[in-house]
Amino acid sequence: MEKVTTKLKLKSSSKSEGFKLMNLNSAGIDIGSREHYVAVPSDRDLEPVRSFGCLTPDLHQMARWLISCEITSVVVESTGVYWVPVVQVLESYSLEVHLVNARHVKGVPGRKSDVQDCQWLQELHTYGLLSGSFRPPPEIQTLRGYWRQRAQLIELCSQQIQRMQKSLEQMNLQLHKVLSDITGVTGMNIIRSILHGERDPKVLAQMKHRSVKSSEATIVQALTGNYREEHVFALKQAVKLYDMSQAMIADCDNEVQNYMTMTLQPESQKPKKTTPPKLLTQKRRKNQPHFDLRNQLYQTTGVDLTQIDGVDAMTAQTVISECGYNMKSFPTEKQFASYLGLCPNNKITGGKIYGSRTRKVFNRAASALRVAAQSLHGSSTALGAFYRRMRAKLGAPKAITATAHKLAKLIYRMLKYGEDYIDKGQQYYEQLYQERVLNNFKNKAKQLGYQLLNTNSGEVVS
């Protein structure tokens, strides 16, 4: 048998093309906490590298110098939040600003000083080798600021609850063992009565709500303790901070509602195809917004994302505030999932996949989707069945990521195409899965020259 060889025909060129100049009017800025180093092309100024302070007049001076050097595109490398005022000032001068990830350029050896860093950034950006990080539109950035502030206030409330439990534990008042939540109606009534001087356990136990499962006798025993003055004082401080945080959350909710009503109402986003959600009639739960967030999101986006199983209004708001509701920045759902860090990161060498773990990405929207995916473990829906199958096959962590990936794609499709989500149920999903497995068996048997027989009827499986 003759050995057949093939030869690849390569195009010969006398000169190598090299890198093309993409951004001739570019500048690179290395952001620091005290001063910023800026580099422009060497033919634009006698001093192509300059340093500017971090004060606002210095930033305006930097922008005017870039304009005088005929710069139109600026690349910025920074960590933390030091880049925010710089970018805001530069964009006010109509400069195109790209924020790049420091990890993309930190591995280059020999360029570790601030001066060399800004020059290297300017050179890379000239050849178009840097891609800017995703930044939502300005109106979404404002909404994101409000929502992140609200999340920080909720974390502050949780810290005060822990301090309240610590003070009660030091006084041997085991309130958290007879109540599921000490910040509920019964718990807060008892705590406030203690702060007002009540010490009789029987009187305190009579404040229990009818929905509390523990008996009054059990509560009396749990509230028999040692009321030390220093611990009561610490409890009083924690309750004050908790009440203050709750009031601040209400103020933040008011700002969010007003901003979404007045600003995020473009005519092009009016509801068209989807079914409007029902008005909120349930009682507000703890940490829930003080307004109908679900209906407000529908008025803003034109779709009801809470139709997706596991996705509530809080999760939808987190995704919207982090990524926006206009999916033009993500051409495909795969790119959207990649931005969230929910898709496999295949590392291929020599035609083999040596690793497919997801990238380590800190994204609040991805974290919210993971929490939503974990809540589907007992759901009798198609998504719940998918999560349980993935958990049995891959384990809980990978199943959560896979289900969050599916939730992200569903949210992308609803926001981009404006259609309703319809859950076809757990039985429909399992039926499709069985049909898919059966087709794989039939194809494998056909390749091996066999046929599948139904053991019950003895007929060939068609």
Protein backbone atom coordinates (compact mmCIF):
# COMPACT_ATOMS: atom_id res chain seq x y z
CA MET A 1 0.00 0.00 0.00
CA GLU A 2 1.50 3.27 -1.10
CA LYS A 3 2.03 5.99 1.45
CA VAL A 4 0.19 9.11 0.52
CA THR A 5 1.76 12.39 1.58
CA THR A 6 0.34 15.85 1.25
CA LYS A 7 2.23 19.09 1.12
CA LEU A 8 0.91 22.41 2.29
CA LYS A 9 1.40 25.24 -0.13
CA LEU A 10 2.56 28.35 1.68
CA LYS A 11 2.34 31.79 0.21
CA SER A 12 5.78 33.25 -0.10
CA SER A 13 6.26 36.93 0.61
CA SER A 14 9.40 38.96 0.28
CA LYS A 15 8.58 41.11 3.29
CA SER A 16 6.86 40.23 6.54
CA GLU A 17 3.77 42.30 7.14
CA GLY A 18 4.22 42.57 10.92
CA PHE A 19 1.67 44.25 13.16
CA LYS A 20 -0.64 46.84 11.69
CA LEU A 21 -0.94 50.24 13.30
CA MET A 22 -4.52 50.40 14.57
CA ASN A 23 -4.61 53.41 16.92
CA LEU A 24 -2.15 56.09 15.85
CA ASN A 25 -3.57 58.73 18.18
CA SER A 26 -3.34 56.64 21.34
CA ALA A 27 -2.05 57.21 24.85
CA GLY A 28 -1.36 54.94 27.81
CA ILE A 29 -2.00 55.81 31.46
CA ASP A 30 -0.77 53.91 34.47
CA ILE A 31 -3.07 54.83 37.37
CA GLY A 32 -1.63 55.28 40.86
CA SER A 33 -3.00 56.34 44.22
CA ARG A 34 -0.92 59.58 44.32
CA GLU A 35 0.08 60.30 40.71
CA HIS A 36 -0.67 59.04 37.22
CA TYR A 37 1.92 58.43 34.49
CA VAL A 38 0.85 59.22 30.93
CA ALA A 39 2.63 58.31 27.70
CA VAL A 40 1.90 59.62 24.19
CA PRO A 41 3.68 58.92 20.89
CA SER A 42 7.23 60.29 20.88
CA ASP A 43 6.54 62.65 17.95
CA ARG A 44 3.67 64.47 19.73
CA ASP A 45 5.60 66.26 22.46
CA LEU A 46 9.14 66.94 23.60
CA GLU A 47 8.26 65.15 26.85
CA PRO A 48 6.15 62.18 25.70
CA VAL A 49 5.93 60.80 29.25
CA ARG A 50 4.55 62.98 32.02
CA SER A 51 3.18 62.51 35.52
CA PHE A 52 0.08 64.21 36.89
CA GLY A 53 -1.38 64.40 40.37
CA CYS A 54 -4.65 62.84 41.45
CA LEU A 55 -6.48 66.10 42.26
CA THR A 56 -9.27 67.25 39.99
CA PRO A 57 -7.37 70.26 38.55
CA ASP A 58 -4.49 67.90 37.73
CA LEU A 59 -6.85 65.56 35.90
CA HIS A 60 -8.22 68.42 33.79
CA GLN A 61 -4.67 69.48 33.01
CA MET A 62 -3.94 65.92 31.90
CA ALA A 63 -6.97 65.90 29.61
CA ARG A 64 -6.04 69.26 28.05
CA TRP A 65 -2.49 68.02 27.43
CA LEU A 66 -3.82 64.90 25.69
CA ILE A 67 -6.08 67.06 23.52
CA SER A 68 -3.12 69.28 22.58
CA CYS A 69 -1.21 66.13 21.54
CA GLU A 70 -4.12 65.18 19.23
CA ILE A 71 -4.92 62.07 21.24
CA THR A 72 -8.31 60.45 20.58
CA SER A 73 -8.01 57.05 22.28
CA VAL A 74 -6.68 56.37 25.78
CA VAL A 75 -5.98 53.04 27.47
CA VAL A 76 -6.01 52.93 31.26
CA GLU A 77 -4.59 50.25 33.56
CA SER A 78 -5.66 50.29 37.17
CA THR A 79 -6.82 48.29 40.16
CA GLY A 80 -9.41 49.25 42.75
CA VAL A 81 -11.42 52.41 42.13
CA TYR A 82 -8.58 54.85 41.44
CA TRP A 83 -9.49 54.87 37.73
CA VAL A 84 -13.08 56.13 38.21
CA PRO A 85 -12.42 59.92 38.51
CA VAL A 86 -9.76 59.74 35.78
CA VAL A 87 -12.10 58.08 33.30
CA GLN A 88 -14.95 60.46 34.12
CA VAL A 89 -12.79 63.53 33.45
CA LEU A 90 -11.32 62.12 30.23
CA GLU A 91 -14.74 61.15 28.88
CA SER A 92 -16.00 64.67 29.61
CA TYR A 93 -13.42 65.85 27.02
CA SER A 94 -14.85 63.40 24.43
CA LEU A 95 -11.87 61.06 24.65
CA GLU A 96 -12.33 57.35 23.98
CA VAL A 97 -11.21 55.52 27.12
CA HIS A 98 -10.50 51.78 27.41
CA LEU A 99 -10.07 50.20 30.83
CA VAL A 100 -7.85 47.10 30.58
CA ASN A 101 -7.33 44.29 33.03
CA ALA A 102 -3.98 44.49 34.82
CA ARG A 103 -3.60 40.69 34.57
CA HIS A 104 -3.43 40.90 30.78
CA VAL A 105 -0.20 42.92 30.80
CA LYS A 106 1.46 42.12 34.12
CA GLY A 107 3.23 39.00 32.82
CA VAL A 108 5.54 40.91 30.48
CA PRO A 109 9.06 40.90 32.02
CA GLY A 110 11.36 43.90 32.21
CA ARG A 111 8.67 46.57 32.45
CA LYS A 112 7.98 47.01 36.13
CA SER A 113 8.28 50.78 36.62
CA ASP A 114 5.38 53.18 36.19
CA VAL A 115 7.10 55.05 33.36
CA GLN A 116 7.78 51.90 31.38
CA ASP A 117 4.29 50.58 32.09
CA CYS A 118 2.53 53.56 30.53
CA GLN A 119 4.85 53.44 27.50
CA TRP A 120 4.21 49.74 27.07
CA LEU A 121 0.46 50.28 27.32
CA GLN A 122 0.62 53.01 24.69
CA GLU A 123 2.62 50.78 22.35
CA LEU A 124 0.30 47.80 22.75
CA HIS A 125 -2.76 49.97 22.20
CA THR A 126 -1.21 51.44 19.05
CA TYR A 127 -1.16 47.97 17.52
CA GLY A 128 -4.63 47.10 18.81
CA LEU A 129 -3.43 44.36 21.14
CA LEU A 130 -5.47 45.44 24.18
CA SER A 131 -9.18 44.92 24.68
CA GLY A 132 -11.10 47.10 27.10
CA SER A 133 -13.14 45.71 29.95
CA PHE A 134 -16.92 45.78 29.75
CA ARG A 135 -18.47 48.91 31.19
CA PRO A 136 -22.25 49.32 31.16
CA PRO A 137 -23.90 52.53 29.90
CA PRO A 138 -23.86 55.55 32.22
CA GLU A 139 -27.47 55.12 33.29
CA ILE A 140 -26.79 51.51 34.30
CA GLN A 141 -23.64 52.59 36.16
CA THR A 142 -25.78 54.87 38.31
CA LEU A 143 -28.26 52.09 39.01
CA ARG A 144 -25.37 49.76 39.83
CA GLY A 145 -24.04 52.25 42.36
CA TYR A 146 -27.39 52.40 44.15
CA TRP A 147 -27.81 48.62 44.15
CA ARG A 148 -24.28 47.94 45.40
CA GLN A 149 -24.79 50.46 48.19
CA ARG A 150 -27.95 48.60 49.16
CA ALA A 151 -26.05 45.30 49.24
CA GLN A 152 -23.47 46.82 51.57
CA LEU A 153 -26.24 48.02 53.89
CA ILE A 154 -27.68 44.51 54.01
CA GLU A 155 -24.23 43.17 54.95
CA LEU A 156 -24.07 45.80 57.69
CA CYS A 157 -27.44 44.59 59.00
CA SER A 158 -26.18 41.01 59.12
CA GLN A 159 -23.16 42.14 61.13
CA GLN A 160 -25.40 43.83 63.67
CA ILE A 161 -27.55 40.71 63.95
CA GLN A 162 -24.43 38.73 64.78
CA ARG A 163 -23.49 41.27 67.45
CA MET A 164 -27.01 41.04 68.89
CA GLN A 165 -26.71 37.25 69.07
CA LYS A 166 -23.29 37.58 70.71
CA SER A 167 -24.65 39.88 73.42
CA LEU A 168 -27.58 37.57 74.08
CA GLU A 169 -25.26 34.57 74.23
CA GLN A 170 -23.02 36.29 76.76
CA MET A 171 -26.10 36.91 78.94
CA ASN A 172 -27.10 33.25 78.40
CA LEU A 173 -30.36 34.32 76.73
CA GLN A 174 -30.84 31.52 74.20
CA LEU A 175 -33.38 33.42 72.13
CA HIS A 176 -31.94 32.24 68.82
CA LYS A 177 -32.57 28.60 69.84
CA VAL A 178 -36.31 29.02 70.33
CA LEU A 179 -36.87 31.43 67.42
CA SER A 180 -35.87 30.86 63.82
CA ASP A 181 -35.10 34.58 63.38
CA ILE A 182 -34.39 36.97 66.26
CA THR A 183 -35.13 39.96 63.97
CA GLY A 184 -38.70 38.80 63.40
CA VAL A 185 -41.76 40.25 65.12
CA THR A 186 -41.39 38.17 68.28
CA GLY A 187 -37.63 38.50 68.53
CA MET A 188 -37.51 42.28 68.12
CA ASN A 189 -40.41 42.79 70.55
CA ILE A 190 -38.58 40.78 73.21
CA ILE A 191 -35.24 42.51 72.58
CA ARG A 192 -36.76 45.99 72.71
CA SER A 193 -38.58 45.12 75.93
CA ILE A 194 -35.27 43.99 77.43
CA LEU A 195 -33.70 47.30 76.44
CA HIS A 196 -36.60 49.13 78.13
CA GLY A 197 -35.87 47.36 81.42
CA GLU A 198 -38.10 44.29 81.36
CA ARG A 199 -36.41 41.27 83.00
CA ASP A 200 -39.28 38.91 83.86
CA PRO A 201 -39.04 35.87 81.50
CA LYS A 202 -42.76 35.15 81.82
CA VAL A 203 -43.71 38.64 80.66
CA LEU A 204 -41.26 38.43 77.77
CA ALA A 205 -42.53 34.98 76.74
CA GLN A 206 -46.10 36.33 76.41
CA MET A 207 -44.93 38.47 73.48
CA LYS A 208 -44.53 35.47 71.18
CA HIS A 209 -46.44 35.48 67.92
CA ARG A 210 -49.02 32.80 67.25
CA SER A 211 -46.86 31.38 64.44
CA VAL A 212 -43.96 30.59 66.80
CA LYS A 213 -43.74 26.85 67.35
CA SER A 214 -41.90 26.99 70.69
CA SER A 215 -44.11 27.02 73.77
CA GLU A 216 -44.13 29.80 76.34
CA ALA A 217 -42.55 27.49 78.92
CA THR A 218 -39.61 26.82 76.62
CA ILE A 219 -39.21 30.52 75.89
CA VAL A 220 -39.28 31.29 79.63
CA GLN A 221 -36.40 28.89 80.21
CA ALA A 222 -34.45 30.35 77.25
CA LEU A 223 -34.88 33.91 78.57
CA THR A 224 -33.67 33.12 82.07
CA GLY A 225 -30.15 34.54 82.20
CA ASN A 226 -27.76 37.09 83.64
CA TYR A 227 -28.51 40.62 82.49
CA ARG A 228 -25.05 42.20 82.75
CA GLU A 229 -25.01 45.96 82.15
CA GLU A 230 -22.14 45.94 79.66
CA HIS A 231 -23.84 43.25 77.56
CA VAL A 232 -27.17 45.07 77.61
CA PHE A 233 -25.37 48.22 76.48
CA ALA A 234 -23.70 46.33 73.59
CA LEU A 235 -27.11 44.92 72.63
CA LYS A 236 -28.58 48.43 72.65
CA GLN A 237 -25.82 49.71 70.36
CA ALA A 238 -26.33 46.83 67.92
CA VAL A 239 -30.10 47.40 67.80
CA LYS A 240 -29.59 51.10 67.08
CA LEU A 241 -27.21 50.35 64.23
CA TYR A 242 -29.61 47.71 62.90
CA ASP A 243 -32.54 50.15 62.90
CA MET A 244 -30.39 52.82 61.29
CA SER A 245 -29.31 50.41 58.54
CA GLN A 246 -32.93 49.40 57.89
CA ALA A 247 -33.90 53.06 57.54
CA MET A 248 -31.01 53.62 55.13
CA ILE A 249 -32.11 50.61 53.08
CA ALA A 250 -35.58 52.16 52.80
CA ASP A 251 -34.01 55.42 51.60
CA CYS A 252 -31.94 53.51 49.07
CA ASP A 253 -35.04 51.70 47.79
CA ASN A 254 -36.73 55.05 47.33
CA GLU A 255 -33.80 56.33 45.26
CA VAL A 256 -33.76 53.15 43.16
CA GLN A 257 -37.49 53.37 42.46
CA ASN A 258 -37.35 57.05 41.53
CA TYR A 259 -34.32 56.55 39.30
CA MET A 260 -35.81 53.57 37.48
CA THR A 261 -39.11 55.39 37.01
CA MET A 262 -37.66 58.69 35.78
CA THR A 263 -34.54 57.57 33.87
CA LEU A 264 -34.81 53.93 32.75
CA GLN A 265 -37.98 54.34 30.70
CA PRO A 266 -36.93 54.59 27.02
CA GLU A 267 -39.70 54.44 24.47
CA SER A 268 -38.02 51.57 22.62
CA GLN A 269 -38.24 49.35 25.71
CA LYS A 270 -42.00 49.47 26.12
CA PRO A 271 -43.55 46.00 26.63
CA LYS A 272 -44.72 44.38 23.40
CA LYS A 273 -44.76 40.58 23.34
CA THR A 274 -44.62 39.46 26.92
CA THR A 275 -47.30 38.97 29.55
CA PRO A 276 -47.25 41.61 32.29
CA PRO A 277 -46.70 40.28 35.83
CA LYS A 278 -49.39 40.38 38.46
CA LEU A 279 -49.27 43.17 41.00
CA LEU A 280 -47.46 42.36 44.22
CA THR A 281 -49.96 41.30 46.89
CA GLN A 282 -47.73 39.35 49.27
CA LYS A 283 -46.37 40.87 52.45
CA ARG A 284 -42.85 42.24 52.18
CA ARG A 285 -40.19 39.89 53.48
CA LYS A 286 -37.00 40.89 55.22
CA ASN A 287 -34.39 42.54 52.95
CA GLN A 288 -36.92 42.75 50.11
CA PRO A 289 -37.39 46.15 48.40
CA HIS A 290 -40.01 48.54 49.74
CA PHE A 291 -41.70 48.72 46.33
CA ASP A 292 -42.90 46.33 43.63
CA LEU A 293 -39.51 45.65 42.06
CA ARG A 294 -40.84 42.91 39.78
CA ASN A 295 -43.34 45.18 38.07
CA GLN A 296 -40.78 47.99 37.91
CA LEU A 297 -38.31 45.70 36.12
CA TYR A 298 -41.02 44.73 33.66
CA GLN A 299 -41.77 48.37 32.91
CA THR A 300 -38.06 48.97 32.34
CA THR A 301 -37.01 45.91 30.34
CA GLY A 302 -40.28 44.83 28.74
CA VAL A 303 -39.92 41.23 29.97
CA ASP A 304 -40.65 39.44 33.23
CA LEU A 305 -37.42 37.69 34.14
CA THR A 306 -39.03 36.17 37.23
CA GLN A 307 -40.83 33.73 34.93
CA ILE A 308 -37.56 31.78 34.91
CA ASP A 309 -37.57 29.23 37.72
CA GLY A 310 -35.20 30.20 40.52
CA VAL A 311 -34.87 33.83 39.40
CA ASP A 312 -36.64 36.29 41.68
CA ALA A 313 -36.83 40.07 41.42
CA MET A 314 -33.68 40.57 43.52
CA THR A 315 -31.63 38.26 41.27
CA ALA A 316 -32.98 39.90 38.12
CA GLN A 317 -32.19 43.35 39.49
CA THR A 318 -28.62 42.29 40.31
CA VAL A 319 -28.07 41.03 36.74
CA ILE A 320 -29.61 44.18 35.23
CA SER A 321 -27.59 46.53 37.45
CA GLU A 322 -24.32 44.74 36.62
CA CYS A 323 -24.81 44.00 32.90
CA GLY A 324 -27.66 46.24 31.76
CA TYR A 325 -30.77 45.20 29.83
CA ASN A 326 -29.43 46.02 26.37
CA MET A 327 -27.50 42.98 25.14
CA LYS A 328 -25.82 44.75 22.22
CA SER A 329 -22.50 44.60 24.04
CA PHE A 330 -22.68 40.78 23.91
CA PRO A 331 -23.29 39.57 20.34
CA THR A 332 -24.00 35.98 21.43
CA GLU A 333 -25.16 34.24 24.58
CA LYS A 334 -21.83 32.42 24.72
CA GLN A 335 -19.97 35.71 25.06
CA PHE A 336 -22.39 36.77 27.79
CA ALA A 337 -21.74 33.53 29.69
CA SER A 338 -17.99 33.96 29.19
CA TYR A 339 -18.12 37.46 30.67
CA LEU A 340 -19.90 36.05 33.73
CA GLY A 341 -17.30 33.30 34.04
CA LEU A 342 -19.89 30.52 33.85
CA CYS A 343 -18.64 28.66 30.77
CA PRO A 344 -15.80 26.11 30.53
CA ASN A 345 -12.34 27.56 29.98
CA ASN A 346 -10.82 24.89 27.76
CA LYS A 347 -7.01 24.71 27.83
CA ILE A 348 -5.99 22.86 24.67
CA THR A 349 -2.42 21.76 23.97
CA GLY A 350 -1.50 19.37 21.18
CA GLY A 351 -5.14 18.78 20.36
CA LYS A 352 -5.93 17.62 23.90
CA ILE A 353 -7.95 19.37 26.57
CA TYR A 354 -5.86 19.53 29.73
CA GLY A 355 -8.31 21.58 31.75
CA SER A 356 -11.78 23.05 31.43
CA ARG A 357 -12.37 24.74 34.78
CA THR A 358 -14.19 28.03 34.65
CA ARG A 359 -12.18 31.21 34.98
CA LYS A 360 -11.84 32.79 38.40
CA VAL A 361 -14.10 35.79 37.92
CA PHE A 362 -15.56 37.92 40.70
CA ASN A 363 -18.90 38.97 39.28
CA ARG A 364 -21.91 39.88 41.39
CA ALA A 365 -24.33 38.82 38.67
CA ALA A 366 -22.70 35.39 38.40
CA SER A 367 -22.83 34.97 42.18
CA ALA A 368 -26.54 35.82 42.18
CA LEU A 369 -27.19 33.29 39.41
CA ARG A 370 -25.30 30.60 41.34
CA VAL A 371 -27.50 31.23 44.38
CA ALA A 372 -30.57 31.03 42.15
CA ALA A 373 -29.32 27.75 40.65
CA GLN A 374 -28.74 26.25 44.09
CA SER A 375 -32.35 27.04 45.05
CA LEU A 376 -33.58 24.65 42.31
CA HIS A 377 -32.39 21.49 44.09
CA GLY A 378 -35.96 20.54 45.09
CA SER A 379 -37.88 22.20 42.26
CA SER A 380 -40.25 20.06 40.17
CA THR A 381 -39.39 21.96 37.00
CA ALA A 382 -37.25 21.28 33.97
CA LEU A 383 -34.43 23.38 35.40
CA GLY A 384 -34.72 21.52 38.70
CA ALA A 385 -34.46 18.18 36.91
CA PHE A 386 -31.42 19.44 35.00
CA TYR A 387 -29.72 20.53 38.23
CA ARG A 388 -30.33 17.17 39.93
CA ARG A 389 -29.03 15.24 36.91
CA MET A 390 -25.89 17.39 36.79
CA ARG A 391 -25.40 16.99 40.54
CA ALA A 392 -25.60 13.20 40.30
CA LYS A 393 -23.16 13.22 37.41
CA LEU A 394 -20.65 15.96 38.31
CA GLY A 395 -21.25 16.89 41.92
CA ALA A 396 -22.92 19.91 43.51
CA PRO A 397 -20.35 22.66 42.70
CA LYS A 398 -20.22 21.89 38.97
CA ALA A 399 -23.97 21.36 38.85
CA ILE A 400 -24.54 24.81 40.33
CA THR A 401 -22.25 26.37 37.72
CA ALA A 402 -23.89 24.45 34.87
CA THR A 403 -27.37 25.47 35.98
CA ALA A 404 -26.27 29.10 36.46
CA HIS A 405 -24.90 28.94 32.90
CA LYS A 406 -28.31 27.85 31.65
CA LEU A 407 -30.04 30.62 33.64
CA ALA A 408 -27.69 33.20 32.12
CA LYS A 409 -28.55 32.05 28.60
CA LEU A 410 -32.28 32.21 29.34
CA ILE A 411 -31.96 35.74 30.69
CA TYR A 412 -29.94 36.75 27.62
CA ARG A 413 -32.58 35.40 25.24
CA MET A 414 -35.46 37.07 27.07
CA LEU A 415 -33.71 40.45 27.17
CA LYS A 416 -32.59 40.31 23.53
CA TYR A 417 -35.65 38.79 21.84
CA GLY A 418 -38.37 39.90 24.30
CA GLU A 419 -40.22 36.61 24.62
CA ASP A 420 -41.84 34.82 27.54
CA TYR A 421 -40.24 31.85 29.27
CA ILE A 422 -42.49 28.80 29.51
CA ASP A 423 -41.53 25.93 31.79
CA LYS A 424 -42.56 22.58 30.27
CA GLY A 425 -42.09 20.70 33.51
CA GLN A 426 -39.92 17.99 34.93
CA GLN A 427 -41.63 15.13 33.06
CA TYR A 428 -41.09 16.76 29.69
CA TYR A 429 -37.40 17.27 30.42
CA GLU A 430 -36.93 13.67 31.60
CA GLN A 431 -38.77 12.37 28.53
CA LEU A 432 -36.46 14.31 26.21
CA TYR A 433 -33.45 13.06 28.15
CA GLN A 434 -34.59 9.41 27.85
CA GLU A 435 -35.17 9.84 24.11
CA ARG A 436 -31.71 11.33 23.70
CA VAL A 437 -30.09 8.45 25.61
CA LEU A 438 -32.08 5.90 23.61
CA ASN A 439 -30.98 7.46 20.28
CA ASN A 440 -27.36 7.31 21.41
CA PHE A 441 -27.75 3.60 22.23
CA LYS A 442 -29.35 2.91 18.86
CA ASN A 443 -26.60 4.71 16.97
CA LYS A 444 -23.90 2.89 18.93
CA ALA A 445 -25.56 -0.49 18.31
CA LYS A 446 -25.87 0.28 14.62
CA GLN A 447 -22.16 1.10 14.40
CA LEU A 448 -21.32 -2.27 15.99
CA GLY A 449 -23.74 -4.17 13.75
CA TYR A 450 -26.39 -4.87 16.40
CA GLN A 451 -30.01 -3.99 16.99
CA LEU A 452 -31.82 -2.97 20.17
CA LEU A 453 -34.71 -5.18 21.29
CA ASN A 454 -37.49 -4.25 23.66
CA THR A 455 -37.37 -6.86 26.44
CA ASN A 456 -41.08 -6.49 27.14
CA SER A 457 -42.42 -6.90 23.61
CA GLY A 458 -39.42 -8.49 21.88
CA GLU A 459 -39.69 -6.00 19.02
CA VAL A 460 -36.81 -4.12 17.47
CA VAL A 461 -36.53 -0.59 18.81
CA SER A 462 -37.07 1.70 15.82
